[in-house]
Amino acid sequence: MYDPVVIAFGPLTIKWYGVIMATAFLLGIGLAYRRAQSQGYDTDHLINMITLIIPMSIIGARLYFVIFEWEAYRLNPLDILAIWQGGLAIHGGLLGGILAGLWYIRKYRLPFWQTADILAPSVILGQAIGRWGNFFNQEAHGGPVSREFISHFPAFIQNQMLINGVYYHPTFLYESLWNFAVFGVLLYKWRKRDFSGQITLLYLSLYSLGRFFIEGMRTDSLMLGPIRVAQLVSALLFVIGITGLFYTRRKAGKMAR
């Protein structure tokens, strides 16, 4: 088992979860900056917007998680601030980031689809990297599996997925690999995109498709009655993404005639 703490200075600790999240943000910012430069997009606006989006994404991710797990925080509300212990919901982060981005875009009259297409590959890259924070915290895993099944994975995955004597599905790994694959698709389509918004809508569709199925394997899903919240949201985002792709492609085709 890996120690989730990188280094400790008395009461101050730096955890792998935080290091990985910071790395994800930095790499995502660097990628978006390069994309903006290649598009002639105002990079000052991009950095200012990202400076707003990142904290709002973290706040949104935490609040989303806390709302659905309120009983666990009701008696100890200060624990809400302990994000280094995990407990960030991706869909809440997307919601917080989108709202912040929309506010900035509207205030400065920036092109919506161009902005979204620049940011979308960075978002999925950050999600792919960020899942490894779950690895160190031994969270976001699936149900129990046999020793024979887990033996197909590298030793370090096997060891980390051995929790209290039981092996579990490394669903964090499944989602990370899926997200990296989606990232590759978005980079490929970036050079061959047919219309504005295609990259963003592909992101919504592909990410949501993978998340829907992987979420069904997890043991720590946020629930709304008998429904896994992430599956419900993923299904809605998939429909929005696919519908948007067909609509915008058709609209772009008509305009080209």
C-alpha atoms as a PDB file:
ATOM      1  CA  MET A   1       0.000   0.000   0.000  1.00  0.00           C
ATOM      2  CA  TYR A   2       1.290   3.446  -0.943  1.00  0.00           C
ATOM      3  CA  ASP A   3       1.394   6.184   1.666  1.00  0.00           C
ATOM      4  CA  PRO A   4      -1.061   8.925   0.575  1.00  0.00           C
ATOM      5  CA  VAL A   5       1.259  11.518   2.182  1.00  0.00           C
ATOM      6  CA  VAL A   6       4.156  12.814   0.085  1.00  0.00           C
ATOM      7  CA  ILE A   7       5.838  14.749   2.872  1.00  0.00           C
ATOM      8  CA  ALA A   8       4.891  16.081   6.297  1.00  0.00           C
ATOM      9  CA  PHE A   9       6.078  19.176   8.158  1.00  0.00           C
ATOM     10  CA  GLY A  10       4.610  18.815  11.631  1.00  0.00           C
ATOM     11  CA  PRO A  11       0.848  19.337  11.273  1.00  0.00           C
ATOM     12  CA  LEU A  12       1.257  20.363   7.617  1.00  0.00           C
ATOM     13  CA  THR A  13       1.086  17.475   5.159  1.00  0.00           C
ATOM     14  CA  ILE A  14       1.308  17.355   1.386  1.00  0.00           C
ATOM     15  CA  LYS A  15      -0.675  14.462  -0.063  1.00  0.00           C
ATOM     16  CA  TRP A  16      -0.384  12.720  -3.405  1.00  0.00           C
ATOM     17  CA  TYR A  17      -4.029  13.579  -4.094  1.00  0.00           C
ATOM     18  CA  GLY A  18      -3.222  17.281  -4.029  1.00  0.00           C
ATOM     19  CA  VAL A  19       0.010  16.885  -6.014  1.00  0.00           C
ATOM     20  CA  ILE A  20      -1.767  14.946  -8.747  1.00  0.00           C
ATOM     21  CA  MET A  21      -4.638  17.440  -8.932  1.00  0.00           C
ATOM     22  CA  ALA A  22      -2.169  20.332  -9.181  1.00  0.00           C
ATOM     23  CA  THR A  23      -0.286  18.491 -11.946  1.00  0.00           C
ATOM     24  CA  ALA A  24      -3.532  17.889 -13.817  1.00  0.00           C
ATOM     25  CA  PHE A  25      -4.431  21.581 -13.637  1.00  0.00           C
ATOM     26  CA  LEU A  26      -0.985  22.739 -14.773  1.00  0.00           C
ATOM     27  CA  LEU A  27      -0.810  20.384 -17.744  1.00  0.00           C
ATOM     28  CA  GLY A  28      -4.362  21.290 -18.732  1.00  0.00           C
ATOM     29  CA  ILE A  29      -3.566  25.003 -18.589  1.00  0.00           C
ATOM     30  CA  GLY A  30      -0.447  24.517 -20.695  1.00  0.00           C
ATOM     31  CA  LEU A  31      -2.358  22.592 -23.348  1.00  0.00           C
ATOM     32  CA  ALA A  32      -5.176  25.145 -23.473  1.00  0.00           C
ATOM     33  CA  TYR A  33      -2.660  27.984 -23.759  1.00  0.00           C
ATOM     34  CA  ARG A  34      -1.014  26.357 -26.791  1.00  0.00           C
ATOM     35  CA  ARG A  35      -4.392  25.720 -28.402  1.00  0.00           C
ATOM     36  CA  ALA A  36      -5.402  29.335 -27.819  1.00  0.00           C
ATOM     37  CA  GLN A  37      -2.193  30.608 -29.406  1.00  0.00           C
ATOM     38  CA  SER A  38      -2.706  28.437 -32.481  1.00  0.00           C
ATOM     39  CA  GLN A  39      -6.246  29.825 -32.837  1.00  0.00           C
ATOM     40  CA  GLY A  40      -5.300  33.470 -32.396  1.00  0.00           C
ATOM     41  CA  TYR A  41      -7.370  33.499 -29.214  1.00  0.00           C
ATOM     42  CA  ASP A  42      -6.643  36.163 -26.603  1.00  0.00           C
ATOM     43  CA  THR A  43      -4.435  34.264 -24.136  1.00  0.00           C
ATOM     44  CA  ASP A  44      -4.838  36.947 -21.462  1.00  0.00           C
ATOM     45  CA  HIS A  45      -8.561  36.283 -21.436  1.00  0.00           C
ATOM     46  CA  LEU A  46      -7.879  32.547 -21.353  1.00  0.00           C
ATOM     47  CA  ILE A  47      -5.633  32.752 -18.278  1.00  0.00           C
ATOM     48  CA  ASN A  48      -8.013  35.115 -16.499  1.00  0.00           C
ATOM     49  CA  MET A  49     -10.926  32.808 -17.221  1.00  0.00           C
ATOM     50  CA  ILE A  50      -9.046  29.691 -16.073  1.00  0.00           C
ATOM     51  CA  THR A  51      -8.043  31.505 -12.876  1.00  0.00           C
ATOM     52  CA  LEU A  52     -11.769  31.840 -12.190  1.00  0.00           C
ATOM     53  CA  ILE A  53     -12.805  28.407 -13.463  1.00  0.00           C
ATOM     54  CA  ILE A  54     -10.363  26.331 -11.375  1.00  0.00           C
ATOM     55  CA  PRO A  55     -11.482  27.465  -7.893  1.00  0.00           C
ATOM     56  CA  MET A  56     -15.135  27.375  -8.949  1.00  0.00           C
ATOM     57  CA  SER A  57     -14.648  23.827 -10.259  1.00  0.00           C
ATOM     58  CA  ILE A  58     -13.164  22.719  -6.945  1.00  0.00           C
ATOM     59  CA  ILE A  59     -15.943  24.409  -4.986  1.00  0.00           C
ATOM     60  CA  GLY A  60     -18.585  22.912  -7.261  1.00  0.00           C
ATOM     61  CA  ALA A  61     -17.041  19.441  -7.036  1.00  0.00           C
ATOM     62  CA  ARG A  62     -16.930  19.573  -3.239  1.00  0.00           C
ATOM     63  CA  LEU A  63     -20.415  21.024  -2.742  1.00  0.00           C
ATOM     64  CA  TYR A  64     -21.917  18.487  -5.134  1.00  0.00           C
ATOM     65  CA  PHE A  65     -20.323  15.643  -3.175  1.00  0.00           C
ATOM     66  CA  VAL A  66     -21.272  17.084   0.223  1.00  0.00           C
ATOM     67  CA  ILE A  67     -24.904  17.612  -0.790  1.00  0.00           C
ATOM     68  CA  PHE A  68     -25.341  13.930  -1.583  1.00  0.00           C
ATOM     69  CA  GLU A  69     -23.301  12.835   1.454  1.00  0.00           C
ATOM     70  CA  TRP A  70     -24.702  15.398   3.883  1.00  0.00           C
ATOM     71  CA  GLU A  71     -25.320  12.898   6.691  1.00  0.00           C
ATOM     72  CA  ALA A  72     -21.581  12.239   6.826  1.00  0.00           C
ATOM     73  CA  TYR A  73     -20.805  15.952   7.259  1.00  0.00           C
ATOM     74  CA  ARG A  74     -23.814  17.210   9.205  1.00  0.00           C
ATOM     75  CA  LEU A  75     -22.228  16.728  12.615  1.00  0.00           C
ATOM     76  CA  ASN A  76     -18.706  17.752  11.519  1.00  0.00           C
ATOM     77  CA  PRO A  77     -19.166  20.613   9.016  1.00  0.00           C
ATOM     78  CA  LEU A  78     -15.478  21.590   9.187  1.00  0.00           C
ATOM     79  CA  ASP A  79     -14.698  18.325   7.394  1.00  0.00           C
ATOM     80  CA  ILE A  80     -16.262  19.884   4.312  1.00  0.00           C
ATOM     81  CA  LEU A  81     -13.021  21.846   3.889  1.00  0.00           C
ATOM     82  CA  ALA A  82     -10.839  18.706   3.961  1.00  0.00           C
ATOM     83  CA  ILE A  83     -10.751  18.169   0.206  1.00  0.00           C
ATOM     84  CA  TRP A  84      -7.291  16.598   0.457  1.00  0.00           C
ATOM     85  CA  GLN A  85      -9.030  13.537   1.868  1.00  0.00           C
ATOM     86  CA  GLY A  86     -10.914  13.073  -1.399  1.00  0.00           C
ATOM     87  CA  GLY A  87     -14.592  13.621  -2.026  1.00  0.00           C
ATOM     88  CA  LEU A  88     -14.671  15.712  -5.202  1.00  0.00           C
ATOM     89  CA  ALA A  89     -17.430  14.882  -7.675  1.00  0.00           C
ATOM     90  CA  ILE A  90     -16.455  15.405 -11.310  1.00  0.00           C
ATOM     91  CA  HIS A  91     -19.931  16.418 -12.420  1.00  0.00           C
ATOM     92  CA  GLY A  92     -20.090  19.059  -9.708  1.00  0.00           C
ATOM     93  CA  GLY A  93     -16.710  20.342 -10.862  1.00  0.00           C
ATOM     94  CA  LEU A  94     -17.941  20.529 -14.455  1.00  0.00           C
ATOM     95  CA  LEU A  95     -21.031  22.425 -13.349  1.00  0.00           C
ATOM     96  CA  GLY A  96     -19.026  24.923 -11.305  1.00  0.00           C
ATOM     97  CA  GLY A  97     -16.488  25.398 -14.087  1.00  0.00           C
ATOM     98  CA  ILE A  98     -19.131  25.784 -16.791  1.00  0.00           C
ATOM     99  CA  LEU A  99     -21.053  28.400 -14.811  1.00  0.00           C
ATOM    100  CA  ALA A 100     -17.867  30.379 -14.154  1.00  0.00           C
ATOM    101  CA  GLY A 101     -16.811  30.100 -17.793  1.00  0.00           C
ATOM    102  CA  LEU A 102     -20.229  31.164 -19.082  1.00  0.00           C
ATOM    103  CA  TRP A 103     -20.192  34.188 -16.805  1.00  0.00           C
ATOM    104  CA  TYR A 104     -16.764  35.254 -18.078  1.00  0.00           C
ATOM    105  CA  ILE A 105     -17.596  34.589 -21.729  1.00  0.00           C
ATOM    106  CA  ARG A 106     -20.774  36.600 -21.498  1.00  0.00           C
ATOM    107  CA  LYS A 107     -19.131  39.464 -19.634  1.00  0.00           C
ATOM    108  CA  TYR A 108     -16.346  39.873 -22.191  1.00  0.00           C
ATOM    109  CA  ARG A 109     -18.344  38.760 -25.234  1.00  0.00           C
ATOM    110  CA  LEU A 110     -15.991  35.921 -26.142  1.00  0.00           C
ATOM    111  CA  PRO A 111     -16.854  33.259 -28.758  1.00  0.00           C
ATOM    112  CA  PHE A 112     -18.528  30.453 -26.836  1.00  0.00           C
ATOM    113  CA  TRP A 113     -17.811  27.425 -29.034  1.00  0.00           C
ATOM    114  CA  GLN A 114     -14.245  28.440 -29.804  1.00  0.00           C
ATOM    115  CA  THR A 115     -13.560  28.877 -26.087  1.00  0.00           C
ATOM    116  CA  ALA A 116     -15.206  25.568 -25.213  1.00  0.00           C
ATOM    117  CA  ASP A 117     -13.321  23.696 -27.937  1.00  0.00           C
ATOM    118  CA  ILE A 118     -10.009  25.070 -26.668  1.00  0.00           C
ATOM    119  CA  LEU A 119     -10.761  23.985 -23.101  1.00  0.00           C
ATOM    120  CA  ALA A 120     -12.391  20.580 -23.680  1.00  0.00           C
ATOM    121  CA  PRO A 121      -9.173  18.578 -24.362  1.00  0.00           C
ATOM    122  CA  SER A 122      -7.611  20.095 -21.246  1.00  0.00           C
ATOM    123  CA  VAL A 123     -10.607  19.073 -19.149  1.00  0.00           C
ATOM    124  CA  ILE A 124     -10.498  15.421 -20.187  1.00  0.00           C
ATOM    125  CA  LEU A 125      -6.704  15.329 -19.777  1.00  0.00           C
ATOM    126  CA  GLY A 126      -7.105  16.678 -16.252  1.00  0.00           C
ATOM    127  CA  GLN A 127      -9.758  14.066 -15.507  1.00  0.00           C
ATOM    128  CA  ALA A 128      -7.529  11.268 -16.807  1.00  0.00           C
ATOM    129  CA  ILE A 129      -4.618  12.355 -14.606  1.00  0.00           C
ATOM    130  CA  GLY A 130      -6.773  13.265 -11.624  1.00  0.00           C
ATOM    131  CA  ARG A 131      -8.128   9.717 -11.304  1.00  0.00           C
ATOM    132  CA  TRP A 132      -4.707   8.669 -10.013  1.00  0.00           C
ATOM    133  CA  GLY A 133      -5.400  10.689  -6.903  1.00  0.00           C
ATOM    134  CA  ASN A 134      -8.096   8.081  -6.227  1.00  0.00           C
ATOM    135  CA  PHE A 135      -5.415   5.413  -6.575  1.00  0.00           C
ATOM    136  CA  PHE A 136      -3.400   6.805  -3.671  1.00  0.00           C
ATOM    137  CA  ASN A 137      -6.526   7.321  -1.553  1.00  0.00           C
ATOM    138  CA  GLN A 138      -7.775   3.795  -2.363  1.00  0.00           C
ATOM    139  CA  GLU A 139     -11.145   5.166  -3.432  1.00  0.00           C
ATOM    140  CA  ALA A 140     -13.376   5.191  -6.531  1.00  0.00           C
ATOM    141  CA  HIS A 141     -12.882   1.434  -6.852  1.00  0.00           C
ATOM    142  CA  GLY A 142     -15.364  -1.226  -7.860  1.00  0.00           C
ATOM    143  CA  GLY A 143     -16.627  -4.352  -6.185  1.00  0.00           C
ATOM    144  CA  PRO A 144     -14.584  -7.347  -5.000  1.00  0.00           C
ATOM    145  CA  VAL A 145     -12.682  -9.455  -7.532  1.00  0.00           C
ATOM    146  CA  SER A 146     -10.754 -12.696  -7.340  1.00  0.00           C
ATOM    147  CA  ARG A 147      -7.002 -13.023  -6.964  1.00  0.00           C
ATOM    148  CA  GLU A 148      -6.937 -14.562 -10.434  1.00  0.00           C
ATOM    149  CA  PHE A 149      -8.665 -11.542 -11.956  1.00  0.00           C
ATOM    150  CA  ILE A 150      -6.476  -8.908 -10.307  1.00  0.00           C
ATOM    151  CA  SER A 151      -3.335 -10.852 -11.253  1.00  0.00           C
ATOM    152  CA  HIS A 152      -3.735  -9.551 -14.810  1.00  0.00           C
ATOM    153  CA  PHE A 153      -2.849  -6.060 -13.579  1.00  0.00           C
ATOM    154  CA  PRO A 154       0.613  -4.699 -12.666  1.00  0.00           C
ATOM    155  CA  ALA A 155       1.792  -5.480  -9.146  1.00  0.00           C
ATOM    156  CA  PHE A 156       1.455  -1.897  -7.912  1.00  0.00           C
ATOM    157  CA  ILE A 157      -2.226  -1.883  -8.938  1.00  0.00           C
ATOM    158  CA  GLN A 158      -2.773  -5.247  -7.262  1.00  0.00           C
ATOM    159  CA  ASN A 159      -1.201  -4.068  -4.018  1.00  0.00           C
ATOM    160  CA  GLN A 160      -3.179  -0.843  -3.876  1.00  0.00           C
ATOM    161  CA  MET A 161      -6.456  -2.600  -4.641  1.00  0.00           C
ATOM    162  CA  LEU A 162      -5.935  -4.997  -1.744  1.00  0.00           C
ATOM    163  CA  ILE A 163      -8.024  -3.347   0.961  1.00  0.00           C
ATOM    164  CA  ASN A 164      -8.625  -5.112   4.270  1.00  0.00           C
ATOM    165  CA  GLY A 165      -7.700  -8.421   2.703  1.00  0.00           C
ATOM    166  CA  VAL A 166     -10.015  -8.077  -0.302  1.00  0.00           C
ATOM    167  CA  TYR A 167      -9.130  -7.232  -3.915  1.00  0.00           C
ATOM    168  CA  TYR A 168     -11.311  -4.690  -5.746  1.00  0.00           C
ATOM    169  CA  HIS A 169     -11.940  -3.619  -9.340  1.00  0.00           C
ATOM    170  CA  PRO A 170      -9.547  -0.721 -10.153  1.00  0.00           C
ATOM    171  CA  THR A 171     -12.333   1.354 -11.688  1.00  0.00           C
ATOM    172  CA  PHE A 172     -10.247   4.497 -11.228  1.00  0.00           C
ATOM    173  CA  LEU A 173      -7.842   2.901 -13.732  1.00  0.00           C
ATOM    174  CA  TYR A 174     -10.610   1.996 -16.174  1.00  0.00           C
ATOM    175  CA  GLU A 175     -11.851   5.578 -16.189  1.00  0.00           C
ATOM    176  CA  SER A 176      -8.358   7.043 -16.449  1.00  0.00           C
ATOM    177  CA  LEU A 177      -7.567   4.885 -19.481  1.00  0.00           C
ATOM    178  CA  TRP A 178     -10.920   5.705 -21.065  1.00  0.00           C
ATOM    179  CA  ASN A 179     -10.328   9.413 -20.518  1.00  0.00           C
ATOM    180  CA  PHE A 180      -6.863   9.218 -22.067  1.00  0.00           C
ATOM    181  CA  ALA A 181      -8.441   7.503 -25.080  1.00  0.00           C
ATOM    182  CA  VAL A 182     -11.042  10.276 -25.345  1.00  0.00           C
ATOM    183  CA  PHE A 183      -8.225  12.819 -25.084  1.00  0.00           C
ATOM    184  CA  GLY A 184      -6.500  11.111 -28.027  1.00  0.00           C
ATOM    185  CA  VAL A 185      -9.697  11.246 -30.086  1.00  0.00           C
ATOM    186  CA  LEU A 186     -10.133  14.954 -29.352  1.00  0.00           C
ATOM    187  CA  LEU A 187      -6.539  15.721 -30.370  1.00  0.00           C
ATOM    188  CA  TYR A 188      -7.046  13.780 -33.602  1.00  0.00           C
ATOM    189  CA  LYS A 189     -10.325  15.521 -34.383  1.00  0.00           C
ATOM    190  CA  TRP A 190      -8.840  18.931 -33.518  1.00  0.00           C
ATOM    191  CA  ARG A 191      -7.024  19.024 -36.844  1.00  0.00           C
ATOM    192  CA  LYS A 192      -9.971  17.618 -38.766  1.00  0.00           C
ATOM    193  CA  ARG A 193     -12.883  19.269 -37.019  1.00  0.00           C
ATOM    194  CA  ASP A 194     -15.744  20.162 -39.314  1.00  0.00           C
ATOM    195  CA  PHE A 195     -17.544  22.801 -37.265  1.00  0.00           C
ATOM    196  CA  SER A 196     -17.319  24.865 -34.088  1.00  0.00           C
ATOM    197  CA  GLY A 197     -18.414  22.972 -31.009  1.00  0.00           C
ATOM    198  CA  GLN A 198     -17.496  19.557 -32.402  1.00  0.00           C
ATOM    199  CA  ILE A 199     -14.653  19.014 -29.917  1.00  0.00           C
ATOM    200  CA  THR A 200     -16.768  20.023 -26.925  1.00  0.00           C
ATOM    201  CA  LEU A 201     -19.749  17.903 -27.946  1.00  0.00           C
ATOM    202  CA  LEU A 202     -17.511  14.915 -28.663  1.00  0.00           C
ATOM    203  CA  TYR A 203     -16.047  15.319 -25.197  1.00  0.00           C
ATOM    204  CA  LEU A 204     -19.490  15.338 -23.587  1.00  0.00           C
ATOM    205  CA  SER A 205     -20.616  12.289 -25.567  1.00  0.00           C
ATOM    206  CA  LEU A 206     -17.530  10.099 -25.228  1.00  0.00           C
ATOM    207  CA  TYR A 207     -16.685  10.888 -21.625  1.00  0.00           C
ATOM    208  CA  SER A 208     -20.292  10.375 -20.533  1.00  0.00           C
ATOM    209  CA  LEU A 209     -20.554   7.069 -22.395  1.00  0.00           C
ATOM    210  CA  GLY A 210     -17.554   5.619 -20.573  1.00  0.00           C
ATOM    211  CA  ARG A 211     -18.499   7.082 -17.207  1.00  0.00           C
ATOM    212  CA  PHE A 212     -22.014   5.620 -17.420  1.00  0.00           C
ATOM    213  CA  PHE A 213     -20.756   2.046 -17.676  1.00  0.00           C
ATOM    214  CA  ILE A 214     -17.797   2.397 -15.309  1.00  0.00           C
ATOM    215  CA  GLU A 215     -19.981   4.031 -12.663  1.00  0.00           C
ATOM    216  CA  GLY A 216     -22.141   0.907 -12.622  1.00  0.00           C
ATOM    217  CA  MET A 217     -19.137  -1.026 -11.244  1.00  0.00           C
ATOM    218  CA  ARG A 218     -18.303   1.340  -8.398  1.00  0.00           C
ATOM    219  CA  THR A 219     -19.148   0.814  -4.745  1.00  0.00           C
ATOM    220  CA  ASP A 220     -19.056   4.466  -3.657  1.00  0.00           C
ATOM    221  CA  SER A 221     -21.562   6.037  -6.038  1.00  0.00           C
ATOM    222  CA  LEU A 222     -23.554   9.047  -4.914  1.00  0.00           C
ATOM    223  CA  MET A 223     -27.170   7.922  -4.847  1.00  0.00           C
ATOM    224  CA  LEU A 224     -30.548   9.528  -5.428  1.00  0.00           C
ATOM    225  CA  GLY A 225     -32.829   6.866  -4.032  1.00  0.00           C
ATOM    226  CA  PRO A 226     -32.050   3.726  -6.072  1.00  0.00           C
ATOM    227  CA  ILE A 227     -30.408   5.711  -8.884  1.00  0.00           C
ATOM    228  CA  ARG A 228     -26.689   6.325  -9.249  1.00  0.00           C
ATOM    229  CA  VAL A 229     -26.459  10.091  -9.708  1.00  0.00           C
ATOM    230  CA  ALA A 230     -23.388   9.929 -11.964  1.00  0.00           C
ATOM    231  CA  GLN A 231     -25.140   7.490 -14.305  1.00  0.00           C
ATOM    232  CA  LEU A 232     -28.181   9.731 -14.524  1.00  0.00           C
ATOM    233  CA  VAL A 233     -26.083  12.819 -15.245  1.00  0.00           C
ATOM    234  CA  SER A 234     -23.894  10.907 -17.705  1.00  0.00           C
ATOM    235  CA  ALA A 235     -26.950   9.706 -19.606  1.00  0.00           C
ATOM    236  CA  LEU A 236     -28.285  13.277 -19.828  1.00  0.00           C
ATOM    237  CA  LEU A 237     -24.926  14.667 -20.969  1.00  0.00           C
ATOM    238  CA  PHE A 238     -24.566  11.884 -23.549  1.00  0.00           C
ATOM    239  CA  VAL A 239     -27.960  12.737 -25.033  1.00  0.00           C
ATOM    240  CA  ILE A 240     -27.083  16.442 -25.046  1.00  0.00           C
ATOM    241  CA  GLY A 241     -23.724  15.731 -26.685  1.00  0.00           C
ATOM    242  CA  ILE A 242     -25.080  13.431 -29.404  1.00  0.00           C
ATOM    243  CA  THR A 243     -28.052  15.694 -30.130  1.00  0.00           C
ATOM    244  CA  GLY A 244     -25.740  18.696 -30.274  1.00  0.00           C
ATOM    245  CA  LEU A 245     -23.390  16.929 -32.697  1.00  0.00           C
ATOM    246  CA  PHE A 246     -26.180  16.096 -35.119  1.00  0.00           C
ATOM    247  CA  TYR A 247     -27.731  19.559 -34.833  1.00  0.00           C
ATOM    248  CA  THR A 248     -24.537  21.574 -35.224  1.00  0.00           C
ATOM    249  CA  ARG A 249     -23.245  19.333 -38.027  1.00  0.00           C
ATOM    250  CA  ARG A 250     -26.518  19.767 -39.899  1.00  0.00           C
ATOM    251  CA  LYS A 251     -26.499  23.509 -39.285  1.00  0.00           C
ATOM    252  CA  ALA A 252     -22.891  23.800 -40.459  1.00  0.00           C
ATOM    253  CA  GLY A 253     -23.732  21.784 -43.595  1.00  0.00           C
ATOM    254  CA  LYS A 254     -26.611  24.086 -44.479  1.00  0.00           C
ATOM    255  CA  MET A 255     -24.458  27.175 -44.006  1.00  0.00           C
ATOM    256  CA  ALA A 256     -21.803  25.714 -46.321  1.00  0.00           C
ATOM    257  CA  ARG A 257     -24.260  25.318 -49.197  1.00  0.00           C
END
